[in-house]
Amino acid sequence: MHKLVLSWGSCITTGALSRLSYNSPGRVLCPNLEQLIWEFDVSHVPLFYFRLFFSPHLKRVTLSTRFLLPTLGPEALRPLAEAVSCLPTSLEYLSLVCGLGREPLRSAISSFVCRSGSSLRSFGSSEPLSEAAFNHLMRLPNLRSWVVYEPLRTLPLAPFPSLEELRLGPAALPWLHLLAAHGDDQLRNGLAPPPAMLNTNVKATLKLLNCPENTPIDPILLSLISSFRNLVTLCVANYYCNKEGSCLFRLTDDDVENFAVALPSLVSLQLGGVCSSNACHTSISSLLSISIHCLGLTLLEIHFNTQSILDDIQRLLDEDPGRDKPRCKLQSLLVGCLPLQVCREDARKVAMGFAYIFPRLKKFSGLLSDPDGSWSWEWVASGLQG
């Protein structure tokens, strides 16, 4: 067995693990295990049996919980901390989502990070790290993916020599300014970056960026993200804006065009789930800019206003200067709960406009609008197929 998942539905008991441990040669239950995923309740789960799964081939470990008693003291956390302390430093992937932020767990995780070396390629922990652990992690030569919850406020000279994927928690969003500005002081002073930074700067290596929920999508955010010039995947997970109905999307068509020009390698672009307010200042012209400049795009979610969509489409068809330019190959557009109120006859014209922007478009997905709006989108989709 190479992969083991111990989930809430597994119902594994202390007695069962105890009996298994007696029959395990060398106290290793799965000698060929490479990946362990364990969802636990620290108040009663038998984590002291964790060593049963310390296979010499173990490469990937995920420890997580969905329920923790807020009154748990250090003694209740000690089994989990001891399990983390015994993790082999040969791990390639470690994810710890426990949500405690208390001793002794914090110290155990920081200690593991400080002992880690070139084998570690992916790390994520909801527990804050010590300053020493944070600085050590930023210098690991093969770290490709990191989930950051509470970063430091400073950066070493050459952080993240190989980082490709970065996922930011809510407290880590301000850190984006530091990463985006890294190396700019040297350029402003007329100094060339050290040779080691020329091809290993995070602004050149980063390919995936996830921003936290409820992040305002404005020109300032886009200017920071545009610094990561080889970005392939961008996700800002605003699910239909916020509960008060206020739209967090604050861009114009020009903002979107400048962004698309700066990041031509984008394949997946999600700038917040489309909300129902229809109050944004972008039109379908934004979609055309993305289609022309990001030719590899296969996933798109972005706000655009549909109140004057017929006039906007006619303007594009009459005046578009990029008529002969190639378009991306997008086949499905996420529209969520975006209102669309057009009659069946006008739906044909809307379909013509979308086909002009995305020649390979086949459907609209994620529909959560009112019944009338849903029918309008279905009419437009049928026009694409016809």
Protein backbone atom coordinates (compact mmCIF):
# COMPACT_ATOMS: atom_id res chain seq x y z
CA MET A 1 0.00 0.00 0.00
CA HIS A 2 1.37 3.38 -1.03
CA LYS A 3 -1.42 5.75 0.11
CA LEU A 4 -3.53 5.77 3.29
CA VAL A 5 -6.44 8.10 4.11
CA LEU A 6 -7.73 8.16 7.70
CA SER A 7 -10.81 10.40 7.48
CA TRP A 8 -13.67 11.15 9.83
CA GLY A 9 -15.59 8.29 8.27
CA SER A 10 -12.81 5.78 8.89
CA CYS A 11 -13.90 5.24 12.53
CA ILE A 12 -10.48 3.92 13.48
CA THR A 13 -10.21 3.24 17.23
CA THR A 14 -7.41 3.04 19.75
CA GLY A 15 -8.11 -0.66 20.20
CA ALA A 16 -7.84 -1.36 16.49
CA LEU A 17 -4.54 0.48 16.20
CA SER A 18 -3.26 -1.26 19.33
CA ARG A 19 -4.00 -4.70 17.90
CA LEU A 20 -2.43 -3.77 14.58
CA SER A 21 0.70 -2.47 16.28
CA TYR A 22 1.33 -5.79 18.05
CA ASN A 23 1.38 -7.58 14.71
CA SER A 24 3.57 -5.05 12.91
CA PRO A 25 7.19 -6.06 12.44
CA GLY A 26 9.47 -3.20 13.40
CA ARG A 27 6.40 -1.27 14.58
CA VAL A 28 5.73 -0.07 11.01
CA LEU A 29 2.23 -0.87 9.84
CA CYS A 30 2.69 0.00 6.16
CA PRO A 31 6.37 -0.40 5.23
CA ASN A 32 5.83 0.85 1.65
CA LEU A 33 3.60 3.82 2.53
CA GLU A 34 4.40 6.99 0.56
CA GLN A 35 1.42 9.24 1.35
CA LEU A 36 -0.59 9.70 4.57
CA ILE A 37 -3.71 11.84 4.92
CA TRP A 38 -5.10 11.96 8.46
CA GLU A 39 -8.17 13.96 9.57
CA PHE A 40 -8.37 13.90 13.35
CA ASP A 41 -10.00 15.20 16.52
CA VAL A 42 -7.14 15.94 18.87
CA SER A 43 -9.39 15.51 21.93
CA HIS A 44 -9.52 11.73 21.52
CA VAL A 45 -7.77 10.49 18.38
CA PRO A 46 -4.82 8.18 19.17
CA LEU A 47 -2.06 10.27 17.58
CA PHE A 48 0.62 8.50 19.60
CA TYR A 49 0.17 5.67 17.07
CA PHE A 50 1.34 7.97 14.33
CA ARG A 51 4.72 6.22 14.26
CA LEU A 52 3.00 3.14 12.89
CA PHE A 53 2.97 4.95 9.57
CA PHE A 54 6.60 6.10 9.57
CA SER A 55 7.51 4.18 6.48
CA PRO A 56 11.05 4.71 5.18
CA HIS A 57 9.37 5.67 1.89
CA LEU A 58 7.02 8.30 3.37
CA LYS A 59 7.05 11.43 1.17
CA ARG A 60 3.70 13.19 1.60
CA VAL A 61 1.87 13.93 4.89
CA THR A 62 -1.37 15.85 5.46
CA LEU A 63 -2.68 16.36 9.02
CA SER A 64 -5.90 18.31 9.47
CA THR A 65 -8.89 18.71 11.74
CA ARG A 66 -12.31 20.28 11.44
CA PHE A 67 -13.12 20.34 15.15
CA LEU A 68 -10.98 21.36 18.12
CA LEU A 69 -12.09 22.18 21.64
CA PRO A 70 -11.09 25.81 22.37
CA THR A 71 -10.23 24.92 26.00
CA LEU A 72 -7.62 22.28 25.13
CA GLY A 73 -4.44 22.76 27.13
CA PRO A 74 -0.82 22.00 26.28
CA GLU A 75 -1.08 18.41 27.51
CA ALA A 76 -3.92 17.63 25.09
CA LEU A 77 -1.82 19.01 22.22
CA ARG A 78 1.33 17.15 23.20
CA PRO A 79 0.57 13.94 21.23
CA LEU A 80 0.13 15.97 18.06
CA ALA A 81 3.28 17.98 18.74
CA GLU A 82 5.22 14.75 19.35
CA ALA A 83 3.92 13.32 16.08
CA VAL A 84 5.14 16.40 14.21
CA SER A 85 8.50 16.23 15.97
CA CYS A 86 8.97 12.68 14.69
CA LEU A 87 8.28 13.48 11.07
CA PRO A 88 11.14 12.42 8.81
CA THR A 89 13.01 15.35 7.31
CA SER A 90 13.06 13.49 4.00
CA LEU A 91 9.43 14.53 3.40
CA GLU A 92 8.67 16.21 0.10
CA TYR A 93 5.17 17.46 1.03
CA LEU A 94 3.75 18.54 4.40
CA SER A 95 0.39 20.16 5.11
CA LEU A 96 -0.76 20.93 8.66
CA VAL A 97 -4.16 22.56 9.08
CA CYS A 98 -4.90 22.57 12.80
CA GLY A 99 -5.88 26.15 13.62
CA LEU A 100 -4.49 26.33 17.14
CA GLY A 101 -1.46 28.61 17.12
CA ARG A 102 -0.42 27.51 20.60
CA GLU A 103 2.47 25.74 22.22
CA PRO A 104 3.78 23.07 22.07
CA LEU A 105 2.52 22.59 18.51
CA ARG A 106 4.01 25.81 17.18
CA SER A 107 7.47 24.90 18.45
CA ALA A 108 7.25 21.39 17.02
CA ILE A 109 6.37 22.65 13.54
CA SER A 110 9.05 25.35 13.60
CA SER A 111 11.60 22.78 14.73
CA PHE A 112 10.67 20.44 11.88
CA VAL A 113 11.04 23.28 9.34
CA CYS A 114 14.48 24.22 10.69
CA ARG A 115 15.60 20.59 10.28
CA SER A 116 14.25 20.31 6.74
CA GLY A 117 16.53 20.37 3.75
CA SER A 118 16.52 20.16 -0.02
CA SER A 119 13.92 17.36 -0.18
CA LEU A 120 11.04 19.61 0.97
CA ARG A 121 9.10 20.80 -2.08
CA SER A 122 5.72 21.79 -0.64
CA PHE A 123 4.79 23.19 2.78
CA GLY A 124 1.65 24.57 4.36
CA SER A 125 0.77 25.18 7.99
CA SER A 126 -1.98 27.14 9.68
CA GLU A 127 0.30 27.50 12.69
CA PRO A 128 2.58 30.57 12.79
CA LEU A 129 6.26 29.77 12.42
CA SER A 130 9.16 31.13 14.41
CA GLU A 131 11.32 33.75 12.70
CA ALA A 132 14.16 31.26 12.32
CA ALA A 133 11.87 28.67 10.71
CA PHE A 134 10.36 31.24 8.39
CA ASN A 135 13.75 32.44 7.18
CA HIS A 136 15.00 28.87 6.75
CA LEU A 137 11.95 27.94 4.69
CA MET A 138 12.40 30.92 2.37
CA ARG A 139 15.92 29.73 1.54
CA LEU A 140 15.18 26.08 0.80
CA PRO A 141 16.49 25.41 -2.73
CA ASN A 142 13.70 23.14 -3.95
CA LEU A 143 10.61 24.59 -2.27
CA ARG A 144 8.04 24.84 -5.05
CA SER A 145 4.76 25.41 -3.17
CA TRP A 146 3.91 27.27 0.05
CA VAL A 147 0.67 28.09 1.85
CA VAL A 148 1.37 31.21 3.95
CA TYR A 149 -0.86 32.31 6.82
CA GLU A 150 1.26 34.70 8.93
CA PRO A 151 4.49 35.81 7.21
CA LEU A 152 7.29 38.00 8.48
CA ARG A 153 7.49 41.66 7.52
CA THR A 154 10.92 41.41 5.95
CA LEU A 155 12.56 39.30 3.24
CA PRO A 156 16.10 37.93 2.96
CA LEU A 157 18.27 38.96 0.03
CA ALA A 158 17.24 36.12 -2.31
CA PRO A 159 14.05 34.44 -1.05
CA PHE A 160 12.41 31.45 -2.70
CA PRO A 161 14.98 30.35 -5.28
CA SER A 162 12.48 27.92 -6.85
CA LEU A 163 8.99 28.90 -5.64
CA GLU A 164 6.25 28.27 -8.22
CA GLU A 165 3.02 28.19 -6.18
CA LEU A 166 2.01 30.62 -3.44
CA ARG A 167 -1.28 30.56 -1.53
CA LEU A 168 -1.86 33.48 0.83
CA GLY A 169 -4.06 33.42 3.92
CA PRO A 170 -5.95 36.59 4.97
CA ALA A 171 -3.17 37.83 7.26
CA ALA A 172 -0.59 37.28 4.55
CA LEU A 173 -2.07 39.47 1.81
CA PRO A 174 -0.03 42.60 2.77
CA TRP A 175 3.07 40.46 2.18
CA LEU A 176 2.31 40.62 -1.54
CA HIS A 177 3.69 44.18 -1.53
CA LEU A 178 7.07 42.94 -0.27
CA LEU A 179 7.30 40.19 -2.88
CA ALA A 180 6.25 42.48 -5.72
CA ALA A 181 8.79 45.14 -4.73
CA HIS A 182 11.65 42.71 -4.13
CA GLY A 183 14.75 43.85 -6.01
CA ASP A 184 13.23 47.18 -7.06
CA ASP A 185 15.50 49.18 -4.72
CA GLN A 186 18.55 47.86 -6.52
CA LEU A 187 17.14 48.79 -9.90
CA ARG A 188 16.19 52.29 -8.76
CA ASN A 189 19.72 52.80 -7.44
CA GLY A 190 21.21 51.63 -10.73
CA LEU A 191 22.56 48.42 -9.25
CA ALA A 192 22.24 45.05 -10.98
CA PRO A 193 20.81 42.21 -8.87
CA PRO A 194 23.28 39.56 -7.72
CA PRO A 195 23.83 36.84 -10.37
CA ALA A 196 22.08 34.27 -8.15
CA MET A 197 18.88 36.32 -8.37
CA LEU A 198 18.72 36.77 -12.13
CA ASN A 199 16.86 33.51 -12.81
CA THR A 200 15.65 32.65 -9.31
CA ASN A 201 13.73 35.76 -8.30
CA VAL A 202 10.22 34.83 -7.16
CA LYS A 203 8.81 37.38 -9.60
CA ALA A 204 10.20 35.24 -12.42
CA THR A 205 9.56 31.75 -11.02
CA LEU A 206 6.03 32.12 -9.60
CA LYS A 207 3.37 30.42 -11.75
CA LEU A 208 0.40 30.08 -9.38
CA LEU A 209 -0.98 32.68 -6.96
CA ASN A 210 -4.02 32.30 -4.73
CA CYS A 211 -5.25 35.37 -2.85
CA PRO A 212 -7.56 35.12 0.19
CA GLU A 213 -11.31 35.54 0.06
CA ASN A 214 -12.86 39.01 0.24
CA THR A 215 -9.82 40.65 -1.34
CA PRO A 216 -10.86 43.88 -3.11
CA ILE A 217 -9.99 43.54 -6.79
CA ASP A 218 -8.70 46.98 -7.69
CA PRO A 219 -5.88 48.52 -9.77
CA ILE A 220 -3.48 48.38 -6.82
CA LEU A 221 -3.89 44.62 -6.49
CA LEU A 222 -3.47 44.11 -10.24
CA SER A 223 -0.31 46.21 -10.33
CA LEU A 224 1.22 44.02 -7.62
CA ILE A 225 0.19 40.76 -9.31
CA SER A 226 1.52 42.00 -12.66
CA SER A 227 5.03 41.89 -11.18
CA PHE A 228 4.94 38.09 -11.40
CA ARG A 229 5.41 38.13 -15.15
CA ASN A 230 5.29 34.36 -15.76
CA LEU A 231 2.08 33.75 -13.82
CA VAL A 232 -0.05 30.94 -15.28
CA THR A 233 -2.80 30.58 -12.65
CA LEU A 234 -4.42 33.36 -10.63
CA CYS A 235 -7.32 32.88 -8.24
CA VAL A 236 -8.93 35.54 -6.06
CA ALA A 237 -11.63 33.55 -4.31
CA ASN A 238 -14.38 36.12 -3.79
CA TYR A 239 -17.53 34.04 -4.02
CA TYR A 240 -20.14 36.43 -5.41
CA CYS A 241 -18.71 39.35 -3.44
CA ASN A 242 -19.88 39.72 0.15
CA LYS A 243 -23.10 39.07 2.01
CA GLU A 244 -24.04 42.76 2.17
CA GLY A 245 -24.25 42.89 -1.62
CA SER A 246 -21.29 45.24 -2.00
CA CYS A 247 -19.25 44.53 -5.13
CA LEU A 248 -15.52 44.03 -4.52
CA PHE A 249 -14.62 44.32 -8.20
CA ARG A 250 -13.31 47.84 -8.90
CA LEU A 251 -11.68 47.70 -12.31
CA THR A 252 -12.23 49.37 -15.67
CA ASP A 253 -11.80 47.94 -19.16
CA ASP A 254 -8.44 49.73 -19.40
CA ASP A 255 -7.28 48.15 -16.13
CA VAL A 256 -8.11 44.68 -17.43
CA GLU A 257 -6.42 45.28 -20.78
CA ASN A 258 -3.20 46.48 -19.12
CA PHE A 259 -3.27 43.44 -16.85
CA ALA A 260 -3.79 41.02 -19.76
CA VAL A 261 -0.91 42.61 -21.67
CA ALA A 262 1.37 42.23 -18.64
CA LEU A 263 0.55 38.54 -18.07
CA PRO A 264 0.23 36.83 -21.47
CA SER A 265 1.00 33.36 -20.02
CA LEU A 266 -2.24 33.15 -18.02
CA VAL A 267 -4.10 29.89 -18.49
CA SER A 268 -6.50 30.12 -15.54
CA LEU A 269 -7.84 33.52 -14.41
CA GLN A 270 -10.40 33.90 -11.62
CA LEU A 271 -10.94 37.45 -10.45
CA GLY A 272 -13.77 36.74 -8.03
CA GLY A 273 -17.08 35.01 -8.62
CA VAL A 274 -19.42 37.13 -10.73
CA CYS A 275 -22.02 38.75 -8.44
CA SER A 276 -25.64 39.72 -9.04
CA SER A 277 -25.30 43.48 -8.48
CA ASN A 278 -24.28 44.21 -12.10
CA ALA A 279 -22.61 47.36 -10.76
CA CYS A 280 -19.07 46.90 -12.08
CA HIS A 281 -17.48 49.26 -14.63
CA THR A 282 -16.13 46.63 -17.00
CA SER A 283 -17.90 45.51 -20.15
CA ILE A 284 -17.40 42.61 -22.55
CA SER A 285 -14.53 44.65 -24.00
CA SER A 286 -12.53 43.29 -21.08
CA LEU A 287 -13.24 39.78 -22.27
CA LEU A 288 -11.91 40.65 -25.71
CA SER A 289 -8.70 42.09 -24.25
CA ILE A 290 -8.11 38.88 -22.30
CA SER A 291 -8.90 36.70 -25.31
CA ILE A 292 -6.43 38.56 -27.54
CA HIS A 293 -3.53 38.84 -25.09
CA CYS A 294 -3.83 35.54 -23.15
CA LEU A 295 -4.02 33.02 -25.96
CA GLY A 296 -3.49 29.99 -23.72
CA LEU A 297 -6.47 30.79 -21.47
CA THR A 298 -8.78 27.86 -20.66
CA LEU A 299 -10.56 29.08 -17.48
CA LEU A 300 -12.03 32.54 -16.94
CA GLU A 301 -14.13 34.11 -14.20
CA ILE A 302 -14.40 37.90 -14.16
CA HIS A 303 -17.01 40.61 -13.59
CA PHE A 304 -18.50 42.35 -16.61
CA ASN A 305 -21.62 44.49 -16.84
CA THR A 306 -24.53 43.23 -18.95
CA GLN A 307 -26.94 46.17 -18.64
CA SER A 308 -25.96 47.54 -22.06
CA ILE A 309 -24.57 44.34 -23.52
CA LEU A 310 -26.36 44.71 -26.88
CA ASP A 311 -24.86 48.16 -27.45
CA ASP A 312 -21.46 46.97 -26.23
CA ILE A 313 -21.49 44.07 -28.67
CA GLN A 314 -22.51 46.26 -31.57
CA ARG A 315 -19.70 48.67 -30.74
CA LEU A 316 -17.20 45.82 -30.73
CA LEU A 317 -18.41 44.47 -34.05
CA ASP A 318 -18.27 47.94 -35.64
CA GLU A 319 -15.08 49.38 -34.15
CA ASP A 320 -12.83 46.56 -32.89
CA PRO A 321 -9.22 47.32 -33.94
CA GLY A 322 -8.15 43.76 -33.11
CA ARG A 323 -10.41 42.12 -35.64
CA ASP A 324 -7.65 40.09 -37.32
CA LYS A 325 -5.85 39.09 -34.13
CA PRO A 326 -6.00 35.48 -32.86
CA ARG A 327 -8.20 34.65 -29.88
CA CYS A 328 -7.85 32.23 -26.97
CA LYS A 329 -9.44 28.78 -27.05
CA LEU A 330 -11.80 29.21 -24.08
CA GLN A 331 -14.74 26.80 -24.29
CA SER A 332 -16.65 27.58 -21.06
CA LEU A 333 -17.20 30.96 -19.39
CA LEU A 334 -18.13 31.18 -15.69
CA VAL A 335 -21.01 33.63 -15.26
CA GLY A 336 -22.37 32.66 -11.82
CA CYS A 337 -25.34 34.81 -10.82
CA LEU A 338 -24.68 37.58 -13.36
CA PRO A 339 -28.07 38.92 -14.53
CA LEU A 340 -28.84 38.81 -18.23
CA GLN A 341 -32.21 40.09 -19.45
CA VAL A 342 -32.57 39.69 -23.21
CA CYS A 343 -35.34 38.29 -25.37
CA ARG A 344 -34.81 35.21 -27.50
CA GLU A 345 -34.27 37.27 -30.65
CA ASP A 346 -31.63 39.50 -29.02
CA ALA A 347 -29.97 36.41 -27.55
CA ARG A 348 -28.78 35.54 -31.06
CA LYS A 349 -26.92 38.83 -31.27
CA VAL A 350 -25.40 38.29 -27.81
CA ALA A 351 -24.28 34.82 -28.92
CA MET A 352 -22.68 36.38 -32.00
CA GLY A 353 -20.77 38.78 -29.77
CA PHE A 354 -19.47 36.05 -27.47
CA ALA A 355 -18.51 33.91 -30.47
CA TYR A 356 -16.59 36.88 -31.85
CA ILE A 357 -14.66 37.20 -28.58
CA PHE A 358 -14.24 33.47 -27.89
CA PRO A 359 -14.53 31.58 -31.20
CA ARG A 360 -14.48 28.18 -29.45
CA LEU A 361 -16.94 29.03 -26.66
CA LYS A 362 -19.52 26.27 -26.17
CA LYS A 363 -21.30 27.01 -22.88
CA PHE A 364 -21.77 29.20 -19.80
CA SER A 365 -21.17 27.53 -16.45
CA GLY A 366 -21.87 28.14 -12.77
CA LEU A 367 -25.32 29.59 -13.47
CA LEU A 368 -26.92 30.81 -10.24
CA SER A 369 -29.11 33.65 -11.53
CA ASP A 370 -32.86 34.10 -11.30
CA PRO A 371 -35.08 31.99 -13.59
CA ASP A 372 -35.43 34.69 -16.25
CA GLY A 373 -31.69 35.32 -16.32
CA SER A 374 -30.95 31.62 -16.53
CA TRP A 375 -33.20 31.27 -19.56
CA SER A 376 -31.44 34.19 -21.22
CA TRP A 377 -28.06 32.54 -20.77
CA GLU A 378 -29.44 29.27 -22.12
CA TRP A 379 -30.78 31.06 -25.21
CA VAL A 380 -27.36 32.62 -25.79
CA ALA A 381 -25.67 29.23 -25.29
CA SER A 382 -27.97 27.62 -27.85
CA GLY A 383 -26.99 30.38 -30.28
CA LEU A 384 -23.33 29.48 -29.79
CA GLN A 385 -24.02 25.89 -30.75
CA GLY A 386 -26.13 26.89 -33.73
